[in-house]
Protein backbone atom coordinates (compact mmCIF):
# COMPACT_ATOMS: atom_id res chain seq x y z
CA MET A 1 8.79 -132.88 -50.48
CA ALA A 2 5.67 -133.84 -48.54
CA ASN A 3 2.34 -134.31 -50.21
CA PRO A 4 -0.73 -132.38 -49.02
CA GLY A 5 -2.17 -133.92 -45.84
CA GLN A 6 1.18 -135.36 -44.78
CA PHE A 7 3.43 -134.17 -41.92
CA ALA A 8 6.47 -132.21 -43.03
CA PRO A 9 9.69 -134.00 -42.22
CA ARG A 10 11.39 -132.59 -39.12
CA GLY A 11 14.84 -132.76 -40.51
CA GLU A 12 17.88 -134.28 -38.97
CA ASP A 13 18.50 -131.32 -36.59
CA TRP A 14 15.08 -131.24 -34.94
CA VAL A 15 16.31 -132.88 -31.74
CA PRO A 16 19.12 -130.34 -31.14
CA ARG A 17 16.68 -127.53 -31.93
CA GLU A 18 14.14 -128.86 -29.40
CA LEU A 19 16.84 -129.20 -26.76
CA ALA A 20 18.02 -125.66 -27.42
CA ALA A 21 14.46 -124.34 -27.10
CA LEU A 22 13.97 -126.23 -23.83
CA ARG A 23 17.28 -124.92 -22.49
CA LYS A 24 16.22 -121.37 -23.33
CA GLU A 25 12.89 -121.80 -21.55
CA LEU A 26 14.63 -123.28 -18.48
CA ASN A 27 17.07 -120.36 -18.35
CA GLU A 28 14.20 -117.89 -18.59
CA LEU A 29 12.32 -119.67 -15.80
CA ARG A 30 15.46 -119.78 -13.68
CA ALA A 31 15.99 -116.03 -14.07
CA ALA A 32 12.35 -115.14 -13.49
CA ASN A 33 10.94 -114.37 -9.99
CA PRO A 34 7.50 -115.98 -9.71
CA PHE A 35 6.92 -114.08 -6.44
CA GLY A 36 7.72 -110.64 -7.88
CA ALA A 37 4.07 -109.62 -8.09
CA MET A 38 3.79 -110.27 -4.33
CA GLY A 39 6.75 -108.03 -3.49
CA ILE A 40 8.94 -110.98 -2.52
CA LYS A 41 12.55 -111.03 -3.67
CA PRO A 42 14.49 -114.28 -3.06
CA MET A 43 18.06 -113.82 -1.85
CA PRO A 44 20.88 -116.36 -1.42
CA ASP A 45 20.35 -116.55 2.36
CA GLY A 46 16.71 -115.50 2.67
CA LEU A 47 14.16 -113.20 1.08
CA ILE A 48 13.06 -109.55 1.08
CA VAL A 49 9.38 -108.60 1.37
CA GLU A 50 8.77 -105.20 -0.23
CA GLY A 51 5.04 -105.02 0.49
CA TYR A 52 2.89 -105.79 3.53
CA GLU A 53 2.65 -109.19 5.16
CA THR A 54 -0.28 -110.65 7.08
CA VAL A 55 0.24 -113.65 9.36
CA ASN A 56 -3.02 -115.23 10.49
CA GLY A 57 -1.45 -118.01 12.49
CA PRO A 58 1.40 -118.40 14.99
CA LEU A 59 4.73 -116.80 14.06
CA GLU A 60 7.94 -118.04 15.62
CA VAL A 61 11.18 -116.12 15.14
CA ASN A 62 14.29 -117.94 16.37
CA GLY A 63 16.88 -115.37 15.28
CA ASP A 64 17.53 -111.68 15.83
CA SER A 65 14.88 -109.29 14.49
CA VAL A 66 15.24 -105.59 13.65
CA PHE A 67 12.25 -103.26 13.15
CA ASN A 68 13.18 -100.01 11.43
CA GLY A 69 9.65 -98.58 11.28
CA GLU A 70 6.63 -98.29 13.53
CA LEU A 71 5.47 -101.44 15.32
CA SER A 72 1.91 -101.74 16.60
CA ILE A 73 0.97 -104.53 19.01
CA ASN A 74 -2.81 -104.72 19.40
CA GLY A 75 -2.91 -107.60 21.85
CA PRO A 76 -1.07 -108.70 25.00
CA LEU A 77 2.74 -108.73 24.86
CA PHE A 78 4.32 -111.46 26.98
CA LEU A 79 8.06 -111.17 27.59
CA GLN A 80 10.46 -113.54 29.25
CA PRO A 81 11.60 -112.10 32.62
CA GLY A 82 14.91 -110.28 32.24
CA SER A 83 14.68 -110.25 28.45
CA ILE A 84 14.47 -106.44 28.12
CA GLU A 85 17.92 -104.85 28.02
CA ASN A 86 17.14 -101.41 26.60
CA ASP A 87 17.75 -98.68 29.20
CA ALA A 88 14.50 -96.89 28.34
CA LEU A 89 12.58 -100.00 29.44
CA SER A 90 14.74 -101.54 32.13
CA ASN A 91 15.53 -98.13 33.73
CA PRO A 92 12.52 -95.91 33.00
CA LEU A 93 13.33 -93.59 35.91
CA THR A 94 16.19 -92.78 38.26
CA PRO A 95 16.05 -91.12 41.71
CA LEU A 96 18.20 -88.41 43.27
CA VAL A 97 18.21 -86.66 46.64
CA SER A 98 20.08 -83.53 47.68
CA HIS A 99 20.56 -81.67 50.97
CA VAL A 100 22.10 -78.24 51.53
CA ASP A 101 22.01 -75.91 54.54
CA ALA A 102 23.30 -72.57 55.80
CA SER A 103 23.44 -70.67 59.08
CA ASN A 104 24.21 -67.30 60.72
CA PHE A 105 22.55 -65.22 58.01
CA ALA A 106 20.56 -61.99 58.26
CA LEU A 107 17.06 -61.28 57.00
CA THR A 108 16.14 -58.09 55.20
CA THR A 109 12.81 -56.54 54.31
CA GLY A 110 11.50 -56.55 50.75
CA PRO A 111 11.67 -59.42 48.23
CA ASN A 112 12.90 -62.81 49.39
CA VAL A 113 16.67 -63.23 48.99
CA GLU A 114 18.40 -66.54 48.22
CA LYS A 115 19.97 -68.16 51.27
CA VAL A 116 20.85 -71.61 49.93
CA ARG A 117 20.85 -73.41 46.57
CA THR A 118 21.43 -76.90 45.15
CA THR A 119 22.19 -77.55 41.47
CA ILE A 120 20.86 -80.82 40.04
CA THR A 121 22.53 -82.51 37.07
CA VAL A 122 20.15 -84.20 34.63
CA PRO A 123 21.27 -87.77 33.75
CA ALA A 124 21.72 -88.49 30.04
CA GLY A 125 18.61 -89.82 28.32
CA PHE A 126 16.08 -88.30 30.72
CA THR A 127 13.74 -85.49 29.67
CA GLN A 128 11.59 -84.74 32.74
CA ALA A 129 12.15 -84.26 36.44
CA LEU A 130 9.50 -84.79 39.13
CA ILE A 131 10.63 -82.61 42.04
CA TYR A 132 9.59 -82.51 45.69
CA ALA A 133 11.46 -79.99 47.84
CA THR A 134 11.12 -78.76 51.43
CA ALA A 135 12.84 -75.76 53.00
CA SER A 136 12.80 -75.15 56.74
CA MET A 137 14.19 -72.12 58.57
CA ASN A 138 14.83 -71.01 62.13
CA ALA A 139 15.53 -67.33 62.78
CA LYS A 140 15.73 -65.08 65.85
CA ASN A 141 13.97 -61.73 65.94
CA TYR A 142 16.57 -59.53 67.69
CA ASN A 143 14.36 -56.47 67.37
CA GLY A 144 12.17 -54.87 70.03
CA SER A 145 8.82 -55.67 68.41
CA THR A 146 7.00 -58.59 66.82
CA ASP A 147 7.74 -59.11 63.13
CA SER A 148 7.20 -61.74 60.46
CA MET A 149 9.69 -63.88 58.59
CA TYR A 150 9.05 -65.32 55.12
CA LEU A 151 10.41 -68.40 53.35
CA ALA A 152 10.11 -69.38 49.68
CA CYS A 153 11.30 -72.42 47.73
CA THR A 154 11.84 -72.11 43.98
CA VAL A 155 12.60 -74.49 41.11
CA ASN A 156 14.70 -72.90 38.37
CA GLY A 157 13.38 -69.50 39.43
CA SER A 158 9.71 -70.52 39.52
CA THR A 159 7.97 -70.19 42.90
CA PRO A 160 4.82 -72.32 43.15
CA GLY A 161 2.34 -70.85 45.62
CA TRP A 162 2.77 -68.32 48.40
CA SER A 163 5.79 -67.99 50.68
CA GLY A 164 5.67 -69.59 54.10
CA GLN A 165 5.18 -67.01 56.90
CA GLN A 166 5.67 -66.96 60.65
CA SER A 167 5.09 -64.14 63.15
CA VAL A 168 7.86 -64.01 65.79
CA PRO A 169 7.74 -61.99 69.04
CA ALA A 170 10.67 -59.74 69.97
CA GLY A 171 13.71 -61.69 71.15
CA GLU A 172 12.22 -65.07 70.18
CA VAL A 173 13.23 -67.71 67.62
CA GLY A 174 10.65 -68.60 65.00
CA HIS A 175 10.33 -71.59 62.69
CA CYS A 176 8.97 -71.57 59.13
CA THR A 177 8.66 -74.20 56.36
CA LYS A 178 7.84 -74.23 52.67
CA THR A 179 7.26 -77.28 50.44
CA VAL A 180 6.91 -77.33 46.65
CA ALA A 181 6.25 -80.00 44.02
CA SER A 182 7.03 -79.47 40.34
CA LEU A 183 7.24 -81.38 37.06
CA LEU A 184 10.06 -79.85 35.04
CA SER A 185 11.28 -80.44 31.49
CA PRO A 186 14.85 -79.16 31.83
CA ALA A 187 16.07 -77.08 28.90
CA GLY A 188 19.72 -77.89 29.62
CA THR A 189 21.86 -80.41 31.46
CA SER A 190 21.05 -79.06 34.94
CA PHE A 191 18.58 -77.03 36.98
CA TYR A 192 18.54 -75.57 40.47
CA VAL A 193 16.34 -75.53 43.55
CA ASN A 194 16.84 -72.81 46.16
CA ALA A 195 15.39 -71.36 49.34
CA LYS A 196 14.87 -67.62 49.75
CA ALA A 197 13.87 -65.64 52.82
CA SER A 198 13.06 -62.14 54.08
CA SER A 199 11.71 -60.28 57.10
CA GLY A 200 8.55 -58.23 57.34
CA ALA A 201 8.79 -54.64 58.66
CA ILE A 202 12.41 -54.43 59.83
CA ASP A 203 15.73 -56.15 59.15
CA TRP A 204 16.82 -59.05 61.35
CA ALA A 205 20.49 -59.29 62.27
CA ALA A 206 22.55 -62.39 61.67
CA SER A 207 22.67 -64.75 64.63
CA THR A 208 25.75 -64.98 66.81
CA GLY A 209 25.40 -68.75 67.04
CA ASP A 210 23.35 -71.13 64.88
CA GLN A 211 19.95 -69.71 65.79
CA ASN A 212 19.48 -68.54 62.21
CA SER A 213 19.65 -71.72 60.14
CA ILE A 214 18.04 -73.08 57.01
CA ASN A 215 17.77 -76.58 55.50
CA LEU A 216 16.80 -77.49 51.95
CA ASP A 217 15.99 -81.12 51.06
CA VAL A 218 15.19 -82.09 47.48
CA MET A 219 13.94 -85.37 46.04
CA VAL A 220 13.94 -85.85 42.25
CA LEU A 221 12.62 -88.64 40.04
CA PHE A 222 13.99 -88.36 36.50
CA LEU A 223 11.70 -89.67 33.75
CA ARG A 224 12.50 -90.56 30.15
C-alpha cells in the first residue's frame, strides 16, 4: 500500500489496459466522420456533399458529370466545338415546306369555301411552329358582268387579316393572292393550313380547262 504523497502502483496489467484504451480510441476515430458537420460523407470510391459547395478557384472535372437540379452559369460558357450532343441544343429547330394545288373548281357567293388543304405533322420534341404561307388563285369570270373573287389563307381555322380580293371583268381571268404568318403552339401532333375562296355577287362556274387554279405554299420552322 502506498504512503501519502506517493504514486499508486500501476499494477502488472497497466500496459494491456493502456493498449486496450488506445485501441478503443482508434476504433472510435476510425468510425467517426470528421467532415460530418460540413455535410461531407466519405465513400469507398469518392464522397457525397449534402450541403452547398463554393469553389473560389479553378475547377477541373475529368470524368462524367450529372446535374439533377437547377444549374446557373453567371459568366461566359465556353464549349469545345462539336461537344454538344443533346438534340435540344444541336437541333434547336427543324424546317419543313409543303405545296398543294387544285384546279377546275367553281366559286360561290357567301363565306369562303375550302379549295385546298395541307396537313403538317409536328416532329417529336417540338412545341411551336413558325408558319409562313402564301395562296395564289386564278379564276375566270364566266358571267356577263364584273364581279369580285376572294381568297383567304387559314392556319388551323384561324384567318389572320382580311381576305385577298380582285375585281374581274366579264369573261376575263383574274389573279388573287393571300399571305399569312403565324406562330402556333400545336395542341396535338399535327395542324393544317388551307386556302378558301368565294365570289362576290354571283356564282362562278368551274373552268373547262385549268383557268381556275389555286396554289398553296407553306414554310414552317419548328421550335423546341
